[in-house]
């Protein structure tokens, strides 16, 4: 069965970015000149995903308007190539909306999509984890799922100081980039972390995860943790890890957003010298 649906949760309040997030959803904050939600949807569409489900809070409707509302400026643009990605997204996929009225964690956000997903495997992209490269990471993970028929989560080796902020795995490498996961721990103390392999926001999961989430108790911060549910799934069916090599930024933090914006601005040949001179100042 092909994977045709991806969930993109964006219902967080974005308190780290106050005061700007009083007026604009965190997922709409620009990485240079493009919001993180655009990168996430583009990655899904590049993987051949037909339906993108965005989980948001009330008042974040500007996210949907960004993709769906006709642009008045289109009529005045001489070079419409700058909007080519919008046309491609509209042509190849549909974008649906689900509300998470109470912020009860990532696991709860995914659970809101149970009826829409149905009995199909599906993907999850967290837009706070920006991954830049030639490949669609969620697309590569879809290929692994279809070949191995096992759930897949994205992994990256990170500095030890970051481990208490992330989900961390204990795993055995079975190919160059694929691991068999034996244990998952959410936000461990450094001394208790089973490895330096952290879970980065990409998942391919079966529909059975919804039944597990419904029985998952609140964990850290009183939230329903997706990692807890995936750990249960791992005990019964097994879960694989995919260690990607592409460039990754945590744009859910102000520092990560700034780093990603600088990196993307340097990809513009017309601006490279100007931006580089500022960095070297």
C-alpha atoms as a PDB file:
ATOM      1  CA  UNK A   1       0.000   0.000   0.000  1.00  0.00           C
ATOM      2  CA  UNK A   2       1.480   3.359  -1.044  1.00  0.00           C
ATOM      3  CA  UNK A   3       1.680   6.196   1.453  1.00  0.00           C
ATOM      4  CA  UNK A   4      -0.505   9.070   0.270  1.00  0.00           C
ATOM      5  CA  UNK A   5      -1.107  11.151   3.422  1.00  0.00           C
ATOM      6  CA  UNK A   6       1.139  13.250   5.645  1.00  0.00           C
ATOM      7  CA  UNK A   7       0.280  15.044   8.884  1.00  0.00           C
ATOM      8  CA  UNK A   8       1.979  18.378   9.646  1.00  0.00           C
ATOM      9  CA  UNK A   9       1.292  19.543  13.235  1.00  0.00           C
ATOM     10  CA  UNK A  10       1.652  23.309  13.821  1.00  0.00           C
ATOM     11  CA  UNK A  11      -0.668  23.961  16.785  1.00  0.00           C
ATOM     12  CA  UNK A  12       2.070  25.139  19.183  1.00  0.00           C
ATOM     13  CA  UNK A  13       1.861  28.650  20.608  1.00  0.00           C
ATOM     14  CA  UNK A  14       5.390  29.661  19.617  1.00  0.00           C
ATOM     15  CA  UNK A  15       6.156  31.359  22.930  1.00  0.00           C
ATOM     16  CA  UNK A  16       9.904  31.345  22.218  1.00  0.00           C
ATOM     17  CA  UNK A  17       9.263  33.825  19.420  1.00  0.00           C
ATOM     18  CA  UNK A  18       7.146  36.339  21.310  1.00  0.00           C
ATOM     19  CA  UNK A  19       6.155  39.050  20.658  1.00  0.00           C
ATOM     20  CA  UNK A  20       5.965  38.351  16.902  1.00  0.00           C
ATOM     21  CA  UNK A  21       3.861  35.200  17.448  1.00  0.00           C
ATOM     22  CA  UNK A  22       1.114  37.347  18.953  1.00  0.00           C
ATOM     23  CA  UNK A  23       0.184  38.189  15.368  1.00  0.00           C
ATOM     24  CA  UNK A  24       1.588  35.423  13.175  1.00  0.00           C
ATOM     25  CA  UNK A  25       1.711  31.615  13.641  1.00  0.00           C
ATOM     26  CA  UNK A  26       5.186  30.221  14.313  1.00  0.00           C
ATOM     27  CA  UNK A  27       4.917  28.052  11.174  1.00  0.00           C
ATOM     28  CA  UNK A  28       4.620  31.237   9.112  1.00  0.00           C
ATOM     29  CA  UNK A  29       7.852  32.784  10.385  1.00  0.00           C
ATOM     30  CA  UNK A  30      10.163  33.107   7.379  1.00  0.00           C
ATOM     31  CA  UNK A  31      13.386  31.228   6.807  1.00  0.00           C
ATOM     32  CA  UNK A  32      14.954  33.966   4.699  1.00  0.00           C
ATOM     33  CA  UNK A  33      11.878  34.590   2.517  1.00  0.00           C
ATOM     34  CA  UNK A  34       9.908  31.335   2.880  1.00  0.00           C
ATOM     35  CA  UNK A  35       7.918  30.115   5.920  1.00  0.00           C
ATOM     36  CA  UNK A  36       8.748  26.757   7.504  1.00  0.00           C
ATOM     37  CA  UNK A  37       5.289  25.362   6.680  1.00  0.00           C
ATOM     38  CA  UNK A  38       6.062  25.874   2.976  1.00  0.00           C
ATOM     39  CA  UNK A  39       9.212  23.764   3.236  1.00  0.00           C
ATOM     40  CA  UNK A  40       7.258  21.007   5.027  1.00  0.00           C
ATOM     41  CA  UNK A  41       4.466  20.885   2.444  1.00  0.00           C
ATOM     42  CA  UNK A  42       6.972  21.042  -0.404  1.00  0.00           C
ATOM     43  CA  UNK A  43       8.848  18.060   1.047  1.00  0.00           C
ATOM     44  CA  UNK A  44       5.623  16.060   1.237  1.00  0.00           C
ATOM     45  CA  UNK A  45       4.564  16.928  -2.313  1.00  0.00           C
ATOM     46  CA  UNK A  46       8.055  16.097  -3.629  1.00  0.00           C
ATOM     47  CA  UNK A  47       7.574  12.611  -2.129  1.00  0.00           C
ATOM     48  CA  UNK A  48       4.368  12.085  -4.107  1.00  0.00           C
ATOM     49  CA  UNK A  49       2.036  12.679  -1.153  1.00  0.00           C
ATOM     50  CA  UNK A  50      -1.506  13.390  -2.333  1.00  0.00           C
ATOM     51  CA  UNK A  51      -3.058  14.731   0.884  1.00  0.00           C
ATOM     52  CA  UNK A  52      -1.458  17.021   3.463  1.00  0.00           C
ATOM     53  CA  UNK A  53      -3.274  17.350   6.804  1.00  0.00           C
ATOM     54  CA  UNK A  54      -2.304  20.415   8.832  1.00  0.00           C
ATOM     55  CA  UNK A  55      -3.149  20.278  12.549  1.00  0.00           C
ATOM     56  CA  UNK A  56      -3.480  23.795  13.950  1.00  0.00           C
ATOM     57  CA  UNK A  57      -4.987  25.900  16.716  1.00  0.00           C
ATOM     58  CA  UNK A  58      -7.863  28.328  16.334  1.00  0.00           C
ATOM     59  CA  UNK A  59      -6.649  31.640  14.987  1.00  0.00           C
ATOM     60  CA  UNK A  60      -3.931  30.142  12.758  1.00  0.00           C
ATOM     61  CA  UNK A  61      -6.044  30.236   9.597  1.00  0.00           C
ATOM     62  CA  UNK A  62      -3.445  32.391   7.834  1.00  0.00           C
ATOM     63  CA  UNK A  63      -1.537  29.140   7.249  1.00  0.00           C
ATOM     64  CA  UNK A  64      -4.314  27.767   5.054  1.00  0.00           C
ATOM     65  CA  UNK A  65      -4.829  31.160   3.400  1.00  0.00           C
ATOM     66  CA  UNK A  66      -1.143  31.139   2.475  1.00  0.00           C
ATOM     67  CA  UNK A  67      -1.682  28.065   0.297  1.00  0.00           C
ATOM     68  CA  UNK A  68      -5.282  28.473  -0.810  1.00  0.00           C
ATOM     69  CA  UNK A  69      -6.155  32.171  -1.058  1.00  0.00           C
ATOM     70  CA  UNK A  70      -5.615  33.639  -4.556  1.00  0.00           C
ATOM     71  CA  UNK A  71      -2.884  36.242  -4.648  1.00  0.00           C
ATOM     72  CA  UNK A  72      -3.856  39.647  -6.018  1.00  0.00           C
ATOM     73  CA  UNK A  73      -0.222  40.224  -6.900  1.00  0.00           C
ATOM     74  CA  UNK A  74      -0.310  37.309  -9.341  1.00  0.00           C
ATOM     75  CA  UNK A  75      -2.015  39.536 -11.894  1.00  0.00           C
ATOM     76  CA  UNK A  76       0.779  42.100 -11.670  1.00  0.00           C
ATOM     77  CA  UNK A  77       3.774  39.776 -11.614  1.00  0.00           C
ATOM     78  CA  UNK A  78       5.822  39.763 -14.791  1.00  0.00           C
ATOM     79  CA  UNK A  79       7.878  36.771 -13.644  1.00  0.00           C
ATOM     80  CA  UNK A  80       5.440  34.160 -12.388  1.00  0.00           C
ATOM     81  CA  UNK A  81       8.246  31.638 -11.845  1.00  0.00           C
ATOM     82  CA  UNK A  82       8.564  32.918  -8.269  1.00  0.00           C
ATOM     83  CA  UNK A  83       5.182  31.308  -7.570  1.00  0.00           C
ATOM     84  CA  UNK A  84       5.849  28.082  -9.462  1.00  0.00           C
ATOM     85  CA  UNK A  85       6.043  26.019  -6.253  1.00  0.00           C
ATOM     86  CA  UNK A  86       2.561  27.195  -5.253  1.00  0.00           C
ATOM     87  CA  UNK A  87       1.159  26.061  -8.597  1.00  0.00           C
ATOM     88  CA  UNK A  88       2.941  22.718  -8.228  1.00  0.00           C
ATOM     89  CA  UNK A  89       1.565  22.155  -4.710  1.00  0.00           C
ATOM     90  CA  UNK A  90      -2.005  22.978  -5.764  1.00  0.00           C
ATOM     91  CA  UNK A  91      -1.716  20.737  -8.807  1.00  0.00           C
ATOM     92  CA  UNK A  92      -0.294  17.674  -7.056  1.00  0.00           C
ATOM     93  CA  UNK A  93      -1.891  17.620  -3.600  1.00  0.00           C
ATOM     94  CA  UNK A  94      -4.806  18.710  -1.432  1.00  0.00           C
ATOM     95  CA  UNK A  95      -4.395  20.475   1.903  1.00  0.00           C
ATOM     96  CA  UNK A  96      -6.864  19.737   4.685  1.00  0.00           C
ATOM     97  CA  UNK A  97      -7.282  21.305   8.100  1.00  0.00           C
ATOM     98  CA  UNK A  98      -7.776  19.724  11.545  1.00  0.00           C
ATOM     99  CA  UNK A  99      -8.006  21.718  14.793  1.00  0.00           C
ATOM    100  CA  UNK A 100      -6.304  20.776  18.049  1.00  0.00           C
ATOM    101  CA  UNK A 101      -8.364  22.832  20.498  1.00  0.00           C
ATOM    102  CA  UNK A 102      -6.333  21.935  23.602  1.00  0.00           C
ATOM    103  CA  UNK A 103      -2.502  21.766  23.466  1.00  0.00           C
ATOM    104  CA  UNK A 104      -2.011  18.265  24.891  1.00  0.00           C
ATOM    105  CA  UNK A 105       1.140  17.369  23.021  1.00  0.00           C
ATOM    106  CA  UNK A 106       2.300  15.938  19.719  1.00  0.00           C
ATOM    107  CA  UNK A 107       0.668  12.571  20.343  1.00  0.00           C
ATOM    108  CA  UNK A 108      -2.691  14.256  20.854  1.00  0.00           C
ATOM    109  CA  UNK A 109      -2.221  16.337  17.692  1.00  0.00           C
ATOM    110  CA  UNK A 110      -1.674  13.164  15.667  1.00  0.00           C
ATOM    111  CA  UNK A 111      -4.681  11.509  17.311  1.00  0.00           C
ATOM    112  CA  UNK A 112      -6.947  14.275  15.976  1.00  0.00           C
ATOM    113  CA  UNK A 113      -6.332  12.903  12.472  1.00  0.00           C
ATOM    114  CA  UNK A 114      -7.513   9.340  13.130  1.00  0.00           C
ATOM    115  CA  UNK A 115     -10.720   9.579  11.106  1.00  0.00           C
ATOM    116  CA  UNK A 116      -9.047  11.267   8.140  1.00  0.00           C
ATOM    117  CA  UNK A 117      -6.153   8.798   7.940  1.00  0.00           C
ATOM    118  CA  UNK A 118      -8.333   5.694   8.181  1.00  0.00           C
ATOM    119  CA  UNK A 119      -6.612   2.305   7.924  1.00  0.00           C
ATOM    120  CA  UNK A 120      -3.555   3.487   6.000  1.00  0.00           C
ATOM    121  CA  UNK A 121       0.114   4.028   6.832  1.00  0.00           C
ATOM    122  CA  UNK A 122       0.966   7.732   6.887  1.00  0.00           C
ATOM    123  CA  UNK A 123       3.789  10.189   7.335  1.00  0.00           C
ATOM    124  CA  UNK A 124       4.448  12.978   9.823  1.00  0.00           C
ATOM    125  CA  UNK A 125       6.568  16.075   9.161  1.00  0.00           C
ATOM    126  CA  UNK A 126       7.386  18.488  11.984  1.00  0.00           C
ATOM    127  CA  UNK A 127       8.153  21.858  10.339  1.00  0.00           C
ATOM    128  CA  UNK A 128      10.365  22.897  13.285  1.00  0.00           C
ATOM    129  CA  UNK A 129      12.858  20.392  11.869  1.00  0.00           C
ATOM    130  CA  UNK A 130      13.992  21.932   8.602  1.00  0.00           C
ATOM    131  CA  UNK A 131      15.954  19.483   6.441  1.00  0.00           C
ATOM    132  CA  UNK A 132      17.551  20.878   3.294  1.00  0.00           C
ATOM    133  CA  UNK A 133      18.934  18.816   0.446  1.00  0.00           C
ATOM    134  CA  UNK A 134      18.245  17.267  -2.929  1.00  0.00           C
ATOM    135  CA  UNK A 135      16.177  14.409  -1.479  1.00  0.00           C
ATOM    136  CA  UNK A 136      12.775  14.492   0.205  1.00  0.00           C
ATOM    137  CA  UNK A 137      13.529  12.820   3.541  1.00  0.00           C
ATOM    138  CA  UNK A 138       9.926  11.750   4.031  1.00  0.00           C
ATOM    139  CA  UNK A 139      10.086  10.292   0.517  1.00  0.00           C
ATOM    140  CA  UNK A 140      13.182   8.243   1.346  1.00  0.00           C
ATOM    141  CA  UNK A 141      11.464   6.974   4.477  1.00  0.00           C
ATOM    142  CA  UNK A 142       8.387   5.986   2.472  1.00  0.00           C
ATOM    143  CA  UNK A 143      10.635   3.812   0.302  1.00  0.00           C
ATOM    144  CA  UNK A 144      12.086   2.095   3.375  1.00  0.00           C
ATOM    145  CA  UNK A 145       8.607   1.457   4.797  1.00  0.00           C
ATOM    146  CA  UNK A 146       7.360  -0.047   1.556  1.00  0.00           C
ATOM    147  CA  UNK A 147      10.421  -2.281   1.330  1.00  0.00           C
ATOM    148  CA  UNK A 148      10.643  -3.396   4.974  1.00  0.00           C
ATOM    149  CA  UNK A 149       6.994  -3.019   6.038  1.00  0.00           C
ATOM    150  CA  UNK A 150       8.133  -1.507   9.331  1.00  0.00           C
ATOM    151  CA  UNK A 151       7.643   1.945  10.852  1.00  0.00           C
ATOM    152  CA  UNK A 152      10.470   4.409  10.228  1.00  0.00           C
ATOM    153  CA  UNK A 153      11.669   7.419  12.203  1.00  0.00           C
ATOM    154  CA  UNK A 154      14.356   9.919  11.175  1.00  0.00           C
ATOM    155  CA  UNK A 155      17.592   9.999  13.196  1.00  0.00           C
ATOM    156  CA  UNK A 156      20.561  12.325  13.543  1.00  0.00           C
ATOM    157  CA  UNK A 157      23.653  12.250  15.744  1.00  0.00           C
ATOM    158  CA  UNK A 158      23.623  15.349  17.955  1.00  0.00           C
ATOM    159  CA  UNK A 159      25.921  16.898  20.609  1.00  0.00           C
ATOM    160  CA  UNK A 160      25.325  15.506  24.091  1.00  0.00           C
ATOM    161  CA  UNK A 161      24.167  18.853  25.445  1.00  0.00           C
ATOM    162  CA  UNK A 162      21.094  18.674  23.178  1.00  0.00           C
ATOM    163  CA  UNK A 163      19.917  15.214  24.292  1.00  0.00           C
ATOM    164  CA  UNK A 164      17.745  16.413  27.229  1.00  0.00           C
ATOM    165  CA  UNK A 165      15.589  18.317  24.718  1.00  0.00           C
ATOM    166  CA  UNK A 166      15.003  15.426  22.307  1.00  0.00           C
ATOM    167  CA  UNK A 167      13.803  11.877  21.925  1.00  0.00           C
ATOM    168  CA  UNK A 168      16.824   9.556  21.915  1.00  0.00           C
ATOM    169  CA  UNK A 169      17.194   5.946  20.730  1.00  0.00           C
ATOM    170  CA  UNK A 170      19.250   2.885  21.463  1.00  0.00           C
ATOM    171  CA  UNK A 171      19.779   1.148  18.131  1.00  0.00           C
ATOM    172  CA  UNK A 172      21.876  -1.272  16.088  1.00  0.00           C
ATOM    173  CA  UNK A 173      23.057  -0.267  12.620  1.00  0.00           C
ATOM    174  CA  UNK A 174      21.939  -2.766   9.972  1.00  0.00           C
ATOM    175  CA  UNK A 175      22.920  -0.837   6.815  1.00  0.00           C
ATOM    176  CA  UNK A 176      24.799   2.387   6.088  1.00  0.00           C
ATOM    177  CA  UNK A 177      21.848   4.552   7.094  1.00  0.00           C
ATOM    178  CA  UNK A 178      19.249   2.212   8.653  1.00  0.00           C
ATOM    179  CA  UNK A 179      19.077   1.146  12.286  1.00  0.00           C
ATOM    180  CA  UNK A 180      17.006  -1.425  14.172  1.00  0.00           C
ATOM    181  CA  UNK A 181      15.713   0.425  17.217  1.00  0.00           C
ATOM    182  CA  UNK A 182      15.635  -1.356  20.567  1.00  0.00           C
ATOM    183  CA  UNK A 183      14.739   1.510  22.909  1.00  0.00           C
ATOM    184  CA  UNK A 184      13.390   5.077  22.831  1.00  0.00           C
ATOM    185  CA  UNK A 185      13.609   7.644  25.627  1.00  0.00           C
ATOM    186  CA  UNK A 186      11.932  11.054  25.611  1.00  0.00           C
ATOM    187  CA  UNK A 187      14.153  13.935  26.834  1.00  0.00           C
ATOM    188  CA  UNK A 188      16.593  11.906  28.950  1.00  0.00           C
ATOM    189  CA  UNK A 189      19.184  13.341  31.269  1.00  0.00           C
ATOM    190  CA  UNK A 190      22.587  13.232  29.563  1.00  0.00           C
ATOM    191  CA  UNK A 191      23.829  10.553  31.922  1.00  0.00           C
ATOM    192  CA  UNK A 192      20.816   8.333  31.095  1.00  0.00           C
ATOM    193  CA  UNK A 193      20.786   8.848  27.327  1.00  0.00           C
ATOM    194  CA  UNK A 194      21.214   5.496  25.513  1.00  0.00           C
ATOM    195  CA  UNK A 195      23.144   7.065  22.593  1.00  0.00           C
ATOM    196  CA  UNK A 196      23.716  10.303  20.717  1.00  0.00           C
ATOM    197  CA  UNK A 197      21.121   9.381  18.056  1.00  0.00           C
ATOM    198  CA  UNK A 198      18.177  11.743  18.357  1.00  0.00           C
ATOM    199  CA  UNK A 199      14.740  11.477  16.789  1.00  0.00           C
ATOM    200  CA  UNK A 200      14.227  14.250  14.233  1.00  0.00           C
ATOM    201  CA  UNK A 201      10.726  15.238  13.153  1.00  0.00           C
ATOM    202  CA  UNK A 202       9.948  12.743  10.394  1.00  0.00           C
ATOM    203  CA  UNK A 203       7.907   9.540  10.882  1.00  0.00           C
ATOM    204  CA  UNK A 204       6.242   6.839   8.809  1.00  0.00           C
ATOM    205  CA  UNK A 205       3.705   5.009  10.970  1.00  0.00           C
ATOM    206  CA  UNK A 206       0.900   2.448  10.560  1.00  0.00           C
ATOM    207  CA  UNK A 207      -2.710   3.242  11.480  1.00  0.00           C
ATOM    208  CA  UNK A 208      -2.356   1.026  14.583  1.00  0.00           C
ATOM    209  CA  UNK A 209      -0.546   3.924  16.256  1.00  0.00           C
ATOM    210  CA  UNK A 210      -3.921   5.595  16.852  1.00  0.00           C
ATOM    211  CA  UNK A 211      -5.129   2.741  19.061  1.00  0.00           C
ATOM    212  CA  UNK A 212      -1.908   3.006  21.060  1.00  0.00           C
ATOM    213  CA  UNK A 213      -2.196   6.787  21.391  1.00  0.00           C
ATOM    214  CA  UNK A 214      -5.725   6.455  22.764  1.00  0.00           C
ATOM    215  CA  UNK A 215      -4.299   4.344  25.612  1.00  0.00           C
ATOM    216  CA  UNK A 216      -1.162   6.434  26.182  1.00  0.00           C
ATOM    217  CA  UNK A 217      -1.048   8.331  29.475  1.00  0.00           C
ATOM    218  CA  UNK A 218       0.247  11.877  29.716  1.00  0.00           C
ATOM    219  CA  UNK A 219       4.015  12.009  30.059  1.00  0.00           C
ATOM    220  CA  UNK A 220       6.539  14.827  30.338  1.00  0.00           C
ATOM    221  CA  UNK A 221       4.912  18.276  30.766  1.00  0.00           C
ATOM    222  CA  UNK A 222       1.505  16.609  31.082  1.00  0.00           C
ATOM    223  CA  UNK A 223       1.437  15.958  27.334  1.00  0.00           C
ATOM    224  CA  UNK A 224       0.715  12.831  25.293  1.00  0.00           C
ATOM    225  CA  UNK A 225       4.123  11.999  23.862  1.00  0.00           C
ATOM    226  CA  UNK A 226       4.296  10.421  20.408  1.00  0.00           C
ATOM    227  CA  UNK A 227       7.616   8.822  21.407  1.00  0.00           C
ATOM    228  CA  UNK A 228       5.849   6.864  24.169  1.00  0.00           C
ATOM    229  CA  UNK A 229       3.361   5.448  21.673  1.00  0.00           C
ATOM    230  CA  UNK A 230       6.059   4.600  19.124  1.00  0.00           C
ATOM    231  CA  UNK A 231       7.962   2.800  21.912  1.00  0.00           C
ATOM    232  CA  UNK A 232       4.935   0.566  22.477  1.00  0.00           C
ATOM    233  CA  UNK A 233       4.684  -0.047  18.731  1.00  0.00           C
ATOM    234  CA  UNK A 234       8.362  -0.994  18.692  1.00  0.00           C
ATOM    235  CA  UNK A 235       7.796  -3.731  21.264  1.00  0.00           C
ATOM    236  CA  UNK A 236       5.100  -5.402  19.176  1.00  0.00           C
ATOM    237  CA  UNK A 237       6.073  -4.759  15.550  1.00  0.00           C
ATOM    238  CA  UNK A 238       9.509  -3.178  15.480  1.00  0.00           C
ATOM    239  CA  UNK A 239      10.636   0.274  14.327  1.00  0.00           C
ATOM    240  CA  UNK A 240      13.503   1.276  12.038  1.00  0.00           C
ATOM    241  CA  UNK A 241      15.583   4.432  12.180  1.00  0.00           C
ATOM    242  CA  UNK A 242      16.801   6.299   9.096  1.00  0.00           C
ATOM    243  CA  UNK A 243      19.923   8.411   9.641  1.00  0.00           C
ATOM    244  CA  UNK A 244      19.818  11.142   7.014  1.00  0.00           C
ATOM    245  CA  UNK A 245      22.874  13.066   5.820  1.00  0.00           C
ATOM    246  CA  UNK A 246      21.179  16.262   4.653  1.00  0.00           C
ATOM    247  CA  UNK A 247      21.565  19.622   6.409  1.00  0.00           C
ATOM    248  CA  UNK A 248      19.249  20.073   9.402  1.00  0.00           C
ATOM    249  CA  UNK A 249      18.199  23.138  11.391  1.00  0.00           C
ATOM    250  CA  UNK A 250      15.949  23.328  14.438  1.00  0.00           C
ATOM    251  CA  UNK A 251      13.911  26.356  13.377  1.00  0.00           C
ATOM    252  CA  UNK A 252      11.702  25.951  16.440  1.00  0.00           C
ATOM    253  CA  UNK A 253      14.309  28.035  18.287  1.00  0.00           C
ATOM    254  CA  UNK A 254      15.271  31.657  17.488  1.00  0.00           C
ATOM    255  CA  UNK A 255      18.915  30.678  17.035  1.00  0.00           C
ATOM    256  CA  UNK A 256      18.073  27.836  14.672  1.00  0.00           C
ATOM    257  CA  UNK A 257      15.752  30.044  12.643  1.00  0.00           C
ATOM    258  CA  UNK A 258      18.473  32.667  12.281  1.00  0.00           C
ATOM    259  CA  UNK A 259      21.076  30.066  11.244  1.00  0.00           C
ATOM    260  CA  UNK A 260      18.723  28.604   8.633  1.00  0.00           C
ATOM    261  CA  UNK A 261      17.910  32.057   7.267  1.00  0.00           C
ATOM    262  CA  UNK A 262      21.590  32.916   6.897  1.00  0.00           C
ATOM    263  CA  UNK A 263      22.260  29.585   5.185  1.00  0.00           C
ATOM    264  CA  UNK A 264      19.386  30.049   2.734  1.00  0.00           C
ATOM    265  CA  UNK A 265      20.324  33.663   1.991  1.00  0.00           C
ATOM    266  CA  UNK A 266      23.815  32.499   1.044  1.00  0.00           C
ATOM    267  CA  UNK A 267      22.296  30.238  -1.632  1.00  0.00           C
ATOM    268  CA  UNK A 268      21.249  33.375  -3.537  1.00  0.00           C
ATOM    269  CA  UNK A 269      24.214  34.227  -5.761  1.00  0.00           C
ATOM    270  CA  UNK A 270      23.060  37.830  -6.109  1.00  0.00           C
ATOM    271  CA  UNK A 271      23.138  38.342  -2.358  1.00  0.00           C
ATOM    272  CA  UNK A 272      26.043  36.094  -1.400  1.00  0.00           C
ATOM    273  CA  UNK A 273      28.746  38.794  -1.212  1.00  0.00           C
ATOM    274  CA  UNK A 274      26.525  41.210   0.680  1.00  0.00           C
ATOM    275  CA  UNK A 275      25.400  38.627   3.273  1.00  0.00           C
ATOM    276  CA  UNK A 276      28.910  37.181   3.630  1.00  0.00           C
ATOM    277  CA  UNK A 277      30.322  40.654   4.314  1.00  0.00           C
ATOM    278  CA  UNK A 278      27.839  41.082   7.155  1.00  0.00           C
ATOM    279  CA  UNK A 279      28.794  37.709   8.658  1.00  0.00           C
ATOM    280  CA  UNK A 280      32.487  38.609   8.495  1.00  0.00           C
ATOM    281  CA  UNK A 281      31.902  42.098   9.942  1.00  0.00           C
END
